[in-house]
């Protein structure tokens, strides 16, 4: 079953690379740039100043490398992002993780003695999935854990689409960052960040509901 899941993910990755070939993502503060895939955004779109509140600033973000695979990325000092295979007892304990948000459809919660709160959202990484309905709840859970002095890890299967989308939504709602800035910030901390097109459009809708305007737009190339 796991092997099949990876094959399906690869198929969707290929699909969205082709899909983005025909689109422009534009920051309304900057001129339009052609983007072949969301993996190219960091190198082709100028990154604006990221307005992180003073209590969120940290000069050297933590990045704890798992022995199994990859790195758990620090998004803020109280928020981490990873895939399910990067989660290890000693690494999470070192980072001070006290809450885990699991946004996978197929992986059960991994239990750790120091984690007090578990939230699981059963969602598939497909454009038609309604993840927007979970944005407020997840952002509030992350904020609540921060207010208690804890830290939250958000993970999906590979830490690319579902979990990164939830982290971006949190930055928008609780740190008042634009979608453009929030996306660039998360991608700067975890370069594989790549919300699928459906999730990205839901983030645009969420931004409009929060701020009354959009910082980015997606339009067909002419």
Protein backbone atom coordinates (compact mmCIF):
# COMPACT_ATOMS: atom_id res chain seq x y z
CA UNK A 1 0.00 0.00 0.00
CA UNK A 2 2.83 2.42 0.85
CA UNK A 3 4.51 1.81 -2.51
CA UNK A 4 1.25 2.51 -4.31
CA UNK A 5 0.86 5.77 -2.38
CA UNK A 6 4.30 6.94 -3.49
CA UNK A 7 3.46 6.08 -7.12
CA UNK A 8 0.27 8.10 -6.94
CA UNK A 9 2.12 11.05 -5.40
CA UNK A 10 4.67 10.94 -8.21
CA UNK A 11 1.86 10.99 -10.76
CA UNK A 12 0.36 14.10 -9.16
CA UNK A 13 3.80 15.76 -8.97
CA UNK A 14 4.23 15.26 -12.71
CA UNK A 15 0.72 16.53 -13.37
CA UNK A 16 1.23 19.75 -11.44
CA UNK A 17 4.60 20.44 -13.05
CA UNK A 18 2.84 20.34 -16.43
CA UNK A 19 -0.09 22.33 -15.06
CA UNK A 20 2.08 25.18 -13.80
CA UNK A 21 3.80 25.44 -17.19
CA UNK A 22 0.67 27.24 -18.39
CA UNK A 23 0.27 29.65 -15.50
CA UNK A 24 1.78 32.81 -14.09
CA UNK A 25 1.84 33.47 -10.36
CA UNK A 26 2.01 37.20 -9.76
CA UNK A 27 2.68 39.14 -6.61
CA UNK A 28 0.49 42.22 -6.75
CA UNK A 29 3.40 44.18 -5.28
CA UNK A 30 5.80 43.07 -8.00
CA UNK A 31 5.80 42.44 -11.70
CA UNK A 32 4.70 39.11 -13.13
CA UNK A 33 7.15 36.20 -13.29
CA UNK A 34 6.80 32.97 -15.20
CA UNK A 35 6.83 29.93 -12.93
CA UNK A 36 7.27 26.40 -14.28
CA UNK A 37 6.43 24.82 -10.96
CA UNK A 38 5.99 26.00 -7.42
CA UNK A 39 9.49 24.65 -6.75
CA UNK A 40 10.78 27.52 -8.90
CA UNK A 41 9.08 30.31 -6.95
CA UNK A 42 12.05 30.97 -4.65
CA UNK A 43 14.43 31.55 -7.55
CA UNK A 44 12.13 33.47 -9.90
CA UNK A 45 10.05 35.69 -7.62
CA UNK A 46 11.60 38.38 -5.50
CA UNK A 47 11.00 37.68 -1.81
CA UNK A 48 9.54 40.57 0.16
CA UNK A 49 10.48 41.32 3.75
CA UNK A 50 8.82 38.77 6.03
CA UNK A 51 7.06 40.66 8.87
CA UNK A 52 7.45 38.15 11.70
CA UNK A 53 6.52 39.58 15.07
CA UNK A 54 9.35 40.23 17.50
CA UNK A 55 8.50 37.29 19.72
CA UNK A 56 8.68 34.99 16.69
CA UNK A 57 12.12 36.08 15.47
CA UNK A 58 15.11 33.80 15.74
CA UNK A 59 18.37 34.43 13.92
CA UNK A 60 19.28 30.79 13.39
CA UNK A 61 16.25 28.54 12.85
CA UNK A 62 16.56 25.02 14.16
CA UNK A 63 16.70 22.16 11.71
CA UNK A 64 16.89 18.75 13.34
CA UNK A 65 18.06 16.00 11.03
CA UNK A 66 16.37 12.65 11.43
CA UNK A 67 18.41 9.46 11.12
CA UNK A 68 15.62 7.96 9.04
CA UNK A 69 15.29 10.62 6.36
CA UNK A 70 15.50 14.37 5.83
CA UNK A 71 15.16 17.33 8.12
CA UNK A 72 12.40 18.66 10.34
CA UNK A 73 12.07 22.34 9.42
CA UNK A 74 11.50 25.11 11.94
CA UNK A 75 8.86 27.48 10.56
CA UNK A 76 8.79 29.58 13.75
CA UNK A 77 10.30 28.80 17.18
CA UNK A 78 7.06 27.03 18.13
CA UNK A 79 6.09 25.46 14.79
CA UNK A 80 7.78 22.62 12.89
CA UNK A 81 7.05 20.94 9.57
CA UNK A 82 8.02 17.47 8.35
CA UNK A 83 6.99 14.28 6.63
CA UNK A 84 5.87 11.25 8.58
CA UNK A 85 9.14 9.39 8.00
CA UNK A 86 11.24 12.14 9.60
CA UNK A 87 9.58 11.84 13.00
CA UNK A 88 11.83 10.35 15.69
CA UNK A 89 11.48 10.27 19.46
CA UNK A 90 14.81 11.91 20.28
CA UNK A 91 14.52 14.57 17.58
CA UNK A 92 11.02 15.66 18.56
CA UNK A 93 11.95 15.69 22.23
CA UNK A 94 15.00 17.84 21.50
CA UNK A 95 12.82 20.34 19.62
CA UNK A 96 10.32 20.52 22.48
CA UNK A 97 7.36 19.27 20.46
CA UNK A 98 4.26 18.94 22.65
CA UNK A 99 1.54 18.79 19.99
CA UNK A 100 1.27 16.98 16.65
CA UNK A 101 -1.11 17.72 13.78
CA UNK A 102 -1.29 14.74 11.44
CA UNK A 103 -2.93 15.59 8.10
CA UNK A 104 -2.69 12.23 6.37
CA UNK A 105 -5.42 9.84 5.35
CA UNK A 106 -3.48 6.61 5.85
CA UNK A 107 -0.98 7.07 8.70
CA UNK A 108 -2.17 6.70 12.32
CA UNK A 109 -0.86 8.99 15.03
CA UNK A 110 2.57 8.06 16.34
CA UNK A 111 2.53 8.23 20.12
CA UNK A 112 5.31 9.93 22.09
CA UNK A 113 5.32 10.24 25.91
CA UNK A 114 6.13 13.97 25.83
CA UNK A 115 3.40 14.87 23.33
CA UNK A 116 0.23 15.99 25.11
CA UNK A 117 -2.03 16.83 22.17
CA UNK A 118 -2.79 14.97 18.94
CA UNK A 119 -4.96 16.21 16.08
CA UNK A 120 -5.56 14.08 12.99
CA UNK A 121 -7.18 15.37 9.82
CA UNK A 122 -7.96 12.63 7.31
CA UNK A 123 -7.32 14.35 3.99
CA UNK A 124 -5.93 13.25 0.64
CA UNK A 125 -3.42 15.33 -1.31
CA UNK A 126 -5.67 15.99 -4.30
CA UNK A 127 -6.86 19.38 -5.61
CA UNK A 128 -10.54 18.66 -4.89
CA UNK A 129 -9.98 18.04 -1.17
CA UNK A 130 -11.52 20.65 1.14
CA UNK A 131 -8.63 21.59 3.43
CA UNK A 132 -9.77 25.20 3.89
CA UNK A 133 -12.43 24.13 6.40
CA UNK A 134 -9.57 23.05 8.71
CA UNK A 135 -7.48 26.25 8.43
CA UNK A 136 -9.02 28.07 11.41
CA UNK A 137 -9.07 25.04 13.68
CA UNK A 138 -5.44 24.11 12.99
CA UNK A 139 -4.22 27.70 13.31
CA UNK A 140 -6.01 28.00 16.65
CA UNK A 141 -4.48 24.72 17.87
CA UNK A 142 -0.97 25.91 16.97
CA UNK A 143 -1.55 29.27 18.66
CA UNK A 144 -3.01 27.63 21.77
CA UNK A 145 0.04 25.40 22.11
CA UNK A 146 2.36 28.41 21.67
CA UNK A 147 0.52 30.31 24.41
CA UNK A 148 1.12 27.35 26.74
CA UNK A 149 4.85 27.46 25.95
CA UNK A 150 4.77 24.35 23.78
CA UNK A 151 5.57 23.62 20.15
CA UNK A 152 3.59 21.97 17.36
CA UNK A 153 4.75 19.65 14.60
CA UNK A 154 2.56 19.57 11.49
CA UNK A 155 3.17 16.62 9.18
CA UNK A 156 1.69 14.85 6.20
CA UNK A 157 3.29 11.96 4.32
CA UNK A 158 6.20 13.86 2.81
CA UNK A 159 5.87 17.35 4.28
CA UNK A 160 5.30 18.93 0.87
CA UNK A 161 1.67 19.85 0.23
CA UNK A 162 -0.91 19.25 2.98
CA UNK A 163 1.22 20.14 6.00
CA UNK A 164 2.88 23.12 4.30
CA UNK A 165 -0.57 24.46 3.39
CA UNK A 166 -1.64 24.37 7.05
CA UNK A 167 1.56 26.12 8.14
CA UNK A 168 1.00 28.86 5.56
CA UNK A 169 -2.59 29.30 6.74
CA UNK A 170 -1.36 29.66 10.34
CA UNK A 171 1.15 32.37 9.40
CA UNK A 172 -1.59 34.24 7.56
CA UNK A 173 -4.16 34.08 10.35
CA UNK A 174 -2.04 34.40 13.48
CA UNK A 175 1.01 36.37 12.30
CA UNK A 176 -0.93 38.46 9.78
CA UNK A 177 1.35 37.60 6.88
CA UNK A 178 0.20 37.84 3.28
CA UNK A 179 -0.07 34.62 1.30
CA UNK A 180 2.88 35.71 -0.81
CA UNK A 181 5.11 36.32 2.23
CA UNK A 182 3.87 33.26 4.13
CA UNK A 183 4.48 30.96 1.17
CA UNK A 184 7.97 32.36 0.62
CA UNK A 185 8.79 32.04 4.32
CA UNK A 186 7.72 28.40 4.57
CA UNK A 187 9.52 27.56 1.34
CA UNK A 188 12.69 29.25 2.59
CA UNK A 189 12.60 26.95 5.65
CA UNK A 190 11.54 23.81 3.76
CA UNK A 191 12.45 24.11 0.05
CA UNK A 192 10.27 21.16 -1.02
CA UNK A 193 7.14 23.11 -0.01
CA UNK A 194 4.62 22.70 -2.83
CA UNK A 195 0.88 23.03 -2.07
CA UNK A 196 -1.17 21.50 -4.85
CA UNK A 197 -3.15 23.91 -7.02
CA UNK A 198 -6.42 23.20 -5.23
CA UNK A 199 -4.87 23.98 -1.84
CA UNK A 200 -3.19 27.10 -3.21
CA UNK A 201 -6.51 28.41 -4.46
CA UNK A 202 -8.03 27.70 -1.04
CA UNK A 203 -5.20 29.70 0.55
CA UNK A 204 -6.06 32.57 -1.80
CA UNK A 205 -9.70 32.38 -0.68
CA UNK A 206 -8.57 32.33 2.95
CA UNK A 207 -6.33 35.36 2.42
CA UNK A 208 -9.24 37.26 0.83
CA UNK A 209 -11.47 36.43 3.81
CA UNK A 210 -8.79 37.60 6.27
CA UNK A 211 -7.55 40.77 4.59
CA UNK A 212 -10.12 41.63 1.94
CA UNK A 213 -7.58 41.35 -0.86
CA UNK A 214 -5.07 38.97 -2.42
CA UNK A 215 -1.30 39.39 -2.54
CA UNK A 216 -0.95 36.94 -5.44
CA UNK A 217 -2.93 35.98 -8.48
CA UNK A 218 -2.79 33.06 -10.88
CA UNK A 219 -3.59 33.67 -14.52
CA UNK A 220 -3.02 31.79 -17.79
CA UNK A 221 0.03 32.76 -19.80
CA UNK A 222 -0.79 34.44 -23.08
